[in-house]
């Protein structure tokens, strides 16, 4: 069973769909972060060095497991 099939199956549940829809902007933002880094041709490690932080912090940010400050987001964008 593919991940896409599992996603479709989960989203057929109205409660799951409502939660997913509420998080849509967060998912889109995380996708944008990943796209920016990929377009720059940087690994998480390289980005972390440019930001003077640890790779684990970049990983948390890109997984959506962080609540970054505005300055952190600016550093990410500039790096």
PDB file of N, CA and C in Angstrom:
ATOM      1  N   UNK A   1       0.849  -1.177   0.000  1.00  0.00           N
ATOM      2  CA  UNK A   1       0.000   0.000   0.000  1.00  0.00           C
ATOM      3  C   UNK A   1       0.895   1.242   0.000  1.00  0.00           C
ATOM      4  N   UNK A   2       0.605   2.186  -0.878  1.00  0.00           N
ATOM      5  CA  UNK A   2       1.428   3.383  -1.001  1.00  0.00           C
ATOM      6  C   UNK A   2       1.043   4.417   0.049  1.00  0.00           C
ATOM      7  N   UNK A   3       1.955   5.349   0.287  1.00  0.00           N
ATOM      8  CA  UNK A   3       1.691   6.432   1.235  1.00  0.00           C
ATOM      9  C   UNK A   3       0.542   7.293   0.745  1.00  0.00           C
ATOM     10  N   UNK A   4       0.450   7.459  -0.572  1.00  0.00           N
ATOM     11  CA  UNK A   4      -0.631   8.256  -1.153  1.00  0.00           C
ATOM     12  C   UNK A   4      -1.977   7.595  -0.879  1.00  0.00           C
ATOM     13  N   UNK A   5      -2.040   6.283  -0.986  1.00  0.00           N
ATOM     14  CA  UNK A   5      -3.282   5.557  -0.714  1.00  0.00           C
ATOM     15  C   UNK A   5      -3.654   5.680   0.761  1.00  0.00           C
ATOM     16  N   UNK A   6      -2.672   5.555   1.637  1.00  0.00           N
ATOM     17  CA  UNK A   6      -2.933   5.701   3.071  1.00  0.00           C
ATOM     18  C   UNK A   6      -3.442   7.102   3.396  1.00  0.00           C
ATOM     19  N   UNK A   7      -2.859   8.105   2.747  1.00  0.00           N
ATOM     20  CA  UNK A   7      -3.283   9.482   2.964  1.00  0.00           C
ATOM     21  C   UNK A   7      -4.728   9.665   2.521  1.00  0.00           C
ATOM     22  N   UNK A   8      -5.062   9.168   1.349  1.00  0.00           N
ATOM     23  CA  UNK A   8      -6.433   9.274   0.850  1.00  0.00           C
ATOM     24  C   UNK A   8      -7.411   8.580   1.783  1.00  0.00           C
ATOM     25  N   UNK A   9      -7.023   7.424   2.272  1.00  0.00           N
ATOM     26  CA  UNK A   9      -7.876   6.665   3.184  1.00  0.00           C
ATOM     27  C   UNK A   9      -8.089   7.442   4.486  1.00  0.00           C
ATOM     28  N   UNK A  10      -7.025   8.015   5.022  1.00  0.00           N
ATOM     29  CA  UNK A  10      -7.134   8.783   6.263  1.00  0.00           C
ATOM     30  C   UNK A  10      -7.988  10.024   6.059  1.00  0.00           C
ATOM     31  N   UNK A  11      -7.806  10.706   4.935  1.00  0.00           N
ATOM     32  CA  UNK A  11      -8.538  11.944   4.680  1.00  0.00           C
ATOM     33  C   UNK A  11     -10.014  11.716   4.367  1.00  0.00           C
ATOM     34  N   UNK A  12     -10.409  10.474   4.147  1.00  0.00           N
ATOM     35  CA  UNK A  12     -11.828  10.188   3.942  1.00  0.00           C
ATOM     36  C   UNK A  12     -12.599  10.287   5.257  1.00  0.00           C
ATOM     37  N   UNK A  13     -11.880  10.245   6.377  1.00  0.00           N
ATOM     38  CA  UNK A  13     -12.478  10.454   7.705  1.00  0.00           C
ATOM     39  C   UNK A  13     -12.643  11.959   7.904  1.00  0.00           C
ATOM     40  N   UNK A  14     -13.871  12.410   8.163  1.00  0.00           N
ATOM     41  CA  UNK A  14     -14.142  13.852   8.248  1.00  0.00           C
ATOM     42  C   UNK A  14     -13.374  14.534   9.379  1.00  0.00           C
ATOM     43  N   UNK A  15     -13.170  13.858  10.492  1.00  0.00           N
ATOM     44  CA  UNK A  15     -12.417  14.459  11.604  1.00  0.00           C
ATOM     45  C   UNK A  15     -10.953  14.626  11.244  1.00  0.00           C
ATOM     46  N   UNK A  16     -10.396  13.612  10.604  1.00  0.00           N
ATOM     47  CA  UNK A  16      -8.997  13.686  10.166  1.00  0.00           C
ATOM     48  C   UNK A  16      -8.855  14.790   9.124  1.00  0.00           C
ATOM     49  N   UNK A  17      -9.815  14.864   8.204  1.00  0.00           N
ATOM     50  CA  UNK A  17      -9.768  15.877   7.150  1.00  0.00           C
ATOM     51  C   UNK A  17      -9.811  17.285   7.737  1.00  0.00           C
ATOM     52  N   UNK A  18     -10.649  17.502   8.743  1.00  0.00           N
ATOM     53  CA  UNK A  18     -10.761  18.819   9.371  1.00  0.00           C
ATOM     54  C   UNK A  18      -9.439  19.222  10.023  1.00  0.00           C
ATOM     55  N   UNK A  19      -8.791  18.308  10.724  1.00  0.00           N
ATOM     56  CA  UNK A  19      -7.496  18.589  11.348  1.00  0.00           C
ATOM     57  C   UNK A  19      -6.439  18.866  10.291  1.00  0.00           C
ATOM     58  N   UNK A  20      -6.448  18.069   9.236  1.00  0.00           N
ATOM     59  CA  UNK A  20      -5.485  18.239   8.143  1.00  0.00           C
ATOM     60  C   UNK A  20      -5.648  19.613   7.505  1.00  0.00           C
ATOM     61  N   UNK A  21      -6.883  20.000   7.261  1.00  0.00           N
ATOM     62  CA  UNK A  21      -7.144  21.301   6.645  1.00  0.00           C
ATOM     63  C   UNK A  21      -6.682  22.448   7.528  1.00  0.00           C
ATOM     64  N   UNK A  22      -6.817  22.304   8.837  1.00  0.00           N
ATOM     65  CA  UNK A  22      -6.359  23.345   9.751  1.00  0.00           C
ATOM     66  C   UNK A  22      -4.843  23.502   9.700  1.00  0.00           C
ATOM     67  N   UNK A  23      -4.145  22.430   9.415  1.00  0.00           N
ATOM     68  CA  UNK A  23      -2.681  22.461   9.392  1.00  0.00           C
ATOM     69  C   UNK A  23      -2.116  22.732   7.996  1.00  0.00           C
ATOM     70  N   UNK A  24      -2.983  22.932   7.017  1.00  0.00           N
ATOM     71  CA  UNK A  24      -2.532  23.089   5.631  1.00  0.00           C
ATOM     72  C   UNK A  24      -1.512  24.205   5.454  1.00  0.00           C
ATOM     73  N   UNK A  25      -1.723  25.360   6.083  1.00  0.00           N
ATOM     74  CA  UNK A  25      -0.776  26.466   5.912  1.00  0.00           C
ATOM     75  C   UNK A  25       0.582  26.127   6.531  1.00  0.00           C
ATOM     76  N   UNK A  26       0.571  25.386   7.641  1.00  0.00           N
ATOM     77  CA  UNK A  26       1.841  24.969   8.259  1.00  0.00           C
ATOM     78  C   UNK A  26       2.592  24.014   7.339  1.00  0.00           C
ATOM     79  N   UNK A  27       1.882  23.064   6.752  1.00  0.00           N
ATOM     80  CA  UNK A  27       2.510  22.127   5.807  1.00  0.00           C
ATOM     81  C   UNK A  27       3.084  22.882   4.610  1.00  0.00           C
ATOM     82  N   UNK A  28       2.341  23.855   4.108  1.00  0.00           N
ATOM     83  CA  UNK A  28       2.798  24.632   2.956  1.00  0.00           C
ATOM     84  C   UNK A  28       4.063  25.417   3.298  1.00  0.00           C
ATOM     85  N   UNK A  29       4.101  25.967   4.506  1.00  0.00           N
ATOM     86  CA  UNK A  29       5.280  26.722   4.939  1.00  0.00           C
ATOM     87  C   UNK A  29       6.505  25.813   5.036  1.00  0.00           C
ATOM     88  N   UNK A  30       6.322  24.638   5.607  1.00  0.00           N
ATOM     89  CA  UNK A  30       7.430  23.684   5.721  1.00  0.00           C
ATOM     90  C   UNK A  30       7.906  23.271   4.334  1.00  0.00           C
ATOM     91  N   UNK A  31       6.971  23.031   3.422  1.00  0.00           N
ATOM     92  CA  UNK A  31       7.350  22.703   2.038  1.00  0.00           C
ATOM     93  C   UNK A  31       8.169  23.833   1.416  1.00  0.00           C
ATOM     94  N   UNK A  32       7.794  25.072   1.714  1.00  0.00           N
ATOM     95  CA  UNK A  32       8.526  26.223   1.177  1.00  0.00           C
ATOM     96  C   UNK A  32       9.954  26.258   1.725  1.00  0.00           C
ATOM     97  N   UNK A  33      10.114  25.976   3.016  1.00  0.00           N
ATOM     98  CA  UNK A  33      11.459  25.932   3.606  1.00  0.00           C
ATOM     99  C   UNK A  33      12.323  24.884   2.914  1.00  0.00           C
ATOM    100  N   UNK A  34      11.756  23.701   2.728  1.00  0.00           N
ATOM    101  CA  UNK A  34      12.500  22.622   2.075  1.00  0.00           C
ATOM    102  C   UNK A  34      12.855  22.986   0.635  1.00  0.00           C
ATOM    103  N   UNK A  35      11.928  23.631  -0.073  1.00  0.00           N
ATOM    104  CA  UNK A  35      12.190  24.044  -1.451  1.00  0.00           C
ATOM    105  C   UNK A  35      13.298  25.083  -1.522  1.00  0.00           C
ATOM    106  N   UNK A  36      13.280  26.031  -0.583  1.00  0.00           N
ATOM    107  CA  UNK A  36      14.317  27.070  -0.558  1.00  0.00           C
ATOM    108  C   UNK A  36      15.691  26.447  -0.373  1.00  0.00           C
ATOM    109  N   UNK A  37      15.788  25.514   0.568  1.00  0.00           N
ATOM    110  CA  UNK A  37      17.081  24.883   0.830  1.00  0.00           C
ATOM    111  C   UNK A  37      17.529  24.064  -0.370  1.00  0.00           C
ATOM    112  N   UNK A  38      16.595  23.335  -0.980  1.00  0.00           N
ATOM    113  CA  UNK A  38      16.935  22.515  -2.148  1.00  0.00           C
ATOM    114  C   UNK A  38      17.384  23.390  -3.319  1.00  0.00           C
ATOM    115  N   UNK A  39      16.687  24.498  -3.549  1.00  0.00           N
ATOM    116  CA  UNK A  39      17.063  25.402  -4.639  1.00  0.00           C
ATOM    117  C   UNK A  39      18.447  26.003  -4.417  1.00  0.00           C
ATOM    118  N   UNK A  40      18.797  26.204  -3.149  1.00  0.00           N
ATOM    119  CA  UNK A  40      20.120  26.735  -2.828  1.00  0.00           C
ATOM    120  C   UNK A  40      21.187  25.650  -2.904  1.00  0.00           C
ATOM    121  N   UNK A  41      20.757  24.394  -3.028  1.00  0.00           N
ATOM    122  CA  UNK A  41      21.700  23.282  -3.120  1.00  0.00           C
ATOM    123  C   UNK A  41      22.424  23.004  -1.818  1.00  0.00           C
ATOM    124  N   UNK A  42      21.752  23.265  -0.705  1.00  0.00           N
ATOM    125  CA  UNK A  42      22.371  23.093   0.610  1.00  0.00           C
ATOM    126  C   UNK A  42      21.831  21.875   1.345  1.00  0.00           C
ATOM    127  N   UNK A  43      22.710  21.220   2.072  1.00  0.00           N
ATOM    128  CA  UNK A  43      22.276  20.179   2.996  1.00  0.00           C
ATOM    129  C   UNK A  43      21.865  20.849   4.303  1.00  0.00           C
ATOM    130  N   UNK A  44      21.222  20.099   5.174  1.00  0.00           N
ATOM    131  CA  UNK A  44      20.885  20.637   6.490  1.00  0.00           C
ATOM    132  C   UNK A  44      22.152  21.045   7.237  1.00  0.00           C
ATOM    133  N   UNK A  45      23.182  20.252   7.097  1.00  0.00           N
ATOM    134  CA  UNK A  45      24.460  20.543   7.763  1.00  0.00           C
ATOM    135  C   UNK A  45      25.052  21.868   7.266  1.00  0.00           C
ATOM    136  N   UNK A  46      25.056  22.068   5.962  1.00  0.00           N
ATOM    137  CA  UNK A  46      25.602  23.301   5.395  1.00  0.00           C
ATOM    138  C   UNK A  46      24.773  24.518   5.820  1.00  0.00           C
ATOM    139  N   UNK A  47      23.466  24.354   5.818  1.00  0.00           N
ATOM    140  CA  UNK A  47      22.600  25.447   6.240  1.00  0.00           C
ATOM    141  C   UNK A  47      22.825  25.779   7.712  1.00  0.00           C
ATOM    142  N   UNK A  48      22.960  24.757   8.529  1.00  0.00           N
ATOM    143  CA  UNK A  48      23.205  24.971   9.955  1.00  0.00           C
ATOM    144  C   UNK A  48      24.500  25.751  10.178  1.00  0.00           C
ATOM    145  N   UNK A  49      25.547  25.418   9.431  1.00  0.00           N
ATOM    146  CA  UNK A  49      26.808  26.151   9.564  1.00  0.00           C
ATOM    147  C   UNK A  49      26.638  27.612   9.199  1.00  0.00           C
ATOM    148  N   UNK A  50      25.899  27.873   8.128  1.00  0.00           N
ATOM    149  CA  UNK A  50      25.660  29.263   7.724  1.00  0.00           C
ATOM    150  C   UNK A  50      24.855  30.028   8.771  1.00  0.00           C
ATOM    151  N   UNK A  51      23.975  29.318   9.464  1.00  0.00           N
ATOM    152  CA  UNK A  51      23.124  29.966  10.469  1.00  0.00           C
ATOM    153  C   UNK A  51      23.773  29.969  11.858  1.00  0.00           C
ATOM    154  N   UNK A  52      24.935  29.334  11.974  1.00  0.00           N
ATOM    155  CA  UNK A  52      25.629  29.211  13.265  1.00  0.00           C
ATOM    156  C   UNK A  52      24.754  28.499  14.289  1.00  0.00           C
ATOM    157  N   UNK A  53      24.248  27.350  13.857  1.00  0.00           N
ATOM    158  CA  UNK A  53      23.410  26.530  14.733  1.00  0.00           C
ATOM    159  C   UNK A  53      23.721  25.064  14.467  1.00  0.00           C
ATOM    160  N   UNK A  54      22.973  24.197  15.096  1.00  0.00           N
ATOM    161  CA  UNK A  54      23.177  22.757  14.945  1.00  0.00           C
ATOM    162  C   UNK A  54      22.248  22.199  13.861  1.00  0.00           C
ATOM    163  N   UNK A  55      22.689  21.140  13.210  1.00  0.00           N
ATOM    164  CA  UNK A  55      21.877  20.463  12.196  1.00  0.00           C
ATOM    165  C   UNK A  55      20.556  20.005  12.787  1.00  0.00           C
ATOM    166  N   UNK A  56      20.561  19.553  14.034  1.00  0.00           N
ATOM    167  CA  UNK A  56      19.327  19.082  14.674  1.00  0.00           C
ATOM    168  C   UNK A  56      18.273  20.187  14.747  1.00  0.00           C
ATOM    169  N   UNK A  57      18.715  21.442  14.898  1.00  0.00           N
ATOM    170  CA  UNK A  57      17.768  22.557  14.918  1.00  0.00           C
ATOM    171  C   UNK A  57      17.114  22.747  13.550  1.00  0.00           C
ATOM    172  N   UNK A  58      17.891  22.579  12.494  1.00  0.00           N
ATOM    173  CA  UNK A  58      17.352  22.686  11.140  1.00  0.00           C
ATOM    174  C   UNK A  58      16.364  21.548  10.901  1.00  0.00           C
ATOM    175  N   UNK A  59      16.724  20.363  11.327  1.00  0.00           N
ATOM    176  CA  UNK A  59      15.858  19.203  11.160  1.00  0.00           C
ATOM    177  C   UNK A  59      14.516  19.408  11.867  1.00  0.00           C
ATOM    178  N   UNK A  60      14.560  19.889  13.102  1.00  0.00           N
ATOM    179  CA  UNK A  60      13.316  20.148  13.845  1.00  0.00           C
ATOM    180  C   UNK A  60      12.463  21.191  13.140  1.00  0.00           C
ATOM    181  N   UNK A  61      13.109  22.228  12.660  1.00  0.00           N
ATOM    182  CA  UNK A  61      12.400  23.292  11.964  1.00  0.00           C
ATOM    183  C   UNK A  61      11.715  22.755  10.707  1.00  0.00           C
ATOM    184  N   UNK A  62      12.431  21.948   9.939  1.00  0.00           N
ATOM    185  CA  UNK A  62      11.892  21.431   8.684  1.00  0.00           C
ATOM    186  C   UNK A  62      10.866  20.316   8.887  1.00  0.00           C
ATOM    187  N   UNK A  63      10.848  19.714  10.042  1.00  0.00           N
ATOM    188  CA  UNK A  63       9.828  18.713  10.358  1.00  0.00           C
ATOM    189  C   UNK A  63       8.585  19.352  10.970  1.00  0.00           C
ATOM    190  N   UNK A  64       8.681  20.626  11.316  1.00  0.00           N
ATOM    191  CA  UNK A  64       7.558  21.298  11.954  1.00  0.00           C
ATOM    192  C   UNK A  64       7.500  21.051  13.442  1.00  0.00           C
ATOM    193  N   UNK A  65       8.623  20.614  14.017  1.00  0.00           N
ATOM    194  CA  UNK A  65       8.688  20.328  15.449  1.00  0.00           C
ATOM    195  C   UNK A  65       9.341  21.459  16.224  1.00  0.00           C
ATOM    196  N   UNK A  66       9.212  22.669  15.721  1.00  0.00           N
ATOM    197  CA  UNK A  66       9.814  23.818  16.389  1.00  0.00           C
ATOM    198  C   UNK A  66       8.877  25.006  16.259  1.00  0.00           C
ATOM    199  N   UNK A  67       9.050  25.946  17.131  1.00  0.00           N
ATOM    200  CA  UNK A  67       8.294  27.196  17.069  1.00  0.00           C
ATOM    201  C   UNK A  67       9.328  28.307  16.915  1.00  0.00           C
ATOM    202  N   UNK A  68       9.788  28.520  15.679  1.00  0.00           N
ATOM    203  CA  UNK A  68      10.920  29.424  15.463  1.00  0.00           C
ATOM    204  C   UNK A  68      10.559  30.889  15.682  1.00  0.00           C
ATOM    205  N   UNK A  69      11.539  31.640  16.095  1.00  0.00           N
ATOM    206  CA  UNK A  69      11.373  33.088  16.221  1.00  0.00           C
ATOM    207  C   UNK A  69      11.473  33.711  14.836  1.00  0.00           C
ATOM    208  N   UNK A  70      11.069  34.965  14.757  1.00  0.00           N
ATOM    209  CA  UNK A  70      11.175  35.701  13.496  1.00  0.00           C
ATOM    210  C   UNK A  70      12.638  35.779  13.066  1.00  0.00           C
ATOM    211  N   UNK A  71      13.538  36.010  14.018  1.00  0.00           N
ATOM    212  CA  UNK A  71      14.959  36.117  13.660  1.00  0.00           C
ATOM    213  C   UNK A  71      15.501  34.799  13.116  1.00  0.00           C
ATOM    214  N   UNK A  72      15.035  33.677  13.639  1.00  0.00           N
ATOM    215  CA  UNK A  72      15.456  32.373  13.120  1.00  0.00           C
ATOM    216  C   UNK A  72      14.992  32.198  11.682  1.00  0.00           C
ATOM    217  N   UNK A  73      13.761  32.585  11.404  1.00  0.00           N
ATOM    218  CA  UNK A  73      13.243  32.466  10.041  1.00  0.00           C
ATOM    219  C   UNK A  73      14.006  33.384   9.083  1.00  0.00           C
ATOM    220  N   UNK A  74      14.360  34.558   9.540  1.00  0.00           N
ATOM    221  CA  UNK A  74      15.163  35.464   8.708  1.00  0.00           C
ATOM    222  C   UNK A  74      16.535  34.886   8.432  1.00  0.00           C
ATOM    223  N   UNK A  75      17.167  34.302   9.458  1.00  0.00           N
ATOM    224  CA  UNK A  75      18.477  33.664   9.264  1.00  0.00           C
ATOM    225  C   UNK A  75      18.376  32.535   8.254  1.00  0.00           C
ATOM    226  N   UNK A  76      17.319  31.746   8.345  1.00  0.00           N
ATOM    227  CA  UNK A  76      17.108  30.635   7.411  1.00  0.00           C
ATOM    228  C   UNK A  76      17.013  31.197   5.995  1.00  0.00           C
ATOM    229  N   UNK A  77      16.190  32.215   5.815  1.00  0.00           N
ATOM    230  CA  UNK A  77      15.977  32.781   4.487  1.00  0.00           C
ATOM    231  C   UNK A  77      17.259  33.367   3.914  1.00  0.00           C
ATOM    232  N   UNK A  78      18.039  34.032   4.742  1.00  0.00           N
ATOM    233  CA  UNK A  78      19.283  34.659   4.266  1.00  0.00           C
ATOM    234  C   UNK A  78      20.389  33.649   4.031  1.00  0.00           C
ATOM    235  N   UNK A  79      20.372  32.562   4.774  1.00  0.00           N
ATOM    236  CA  UNK A  79      21.413  31.540   4.620  1.00  0.00           C
ATOM    237  C   UNK A  79      21.254  30.838   3.284  1.00  0.00           C
TER     238      UNK A  79
END
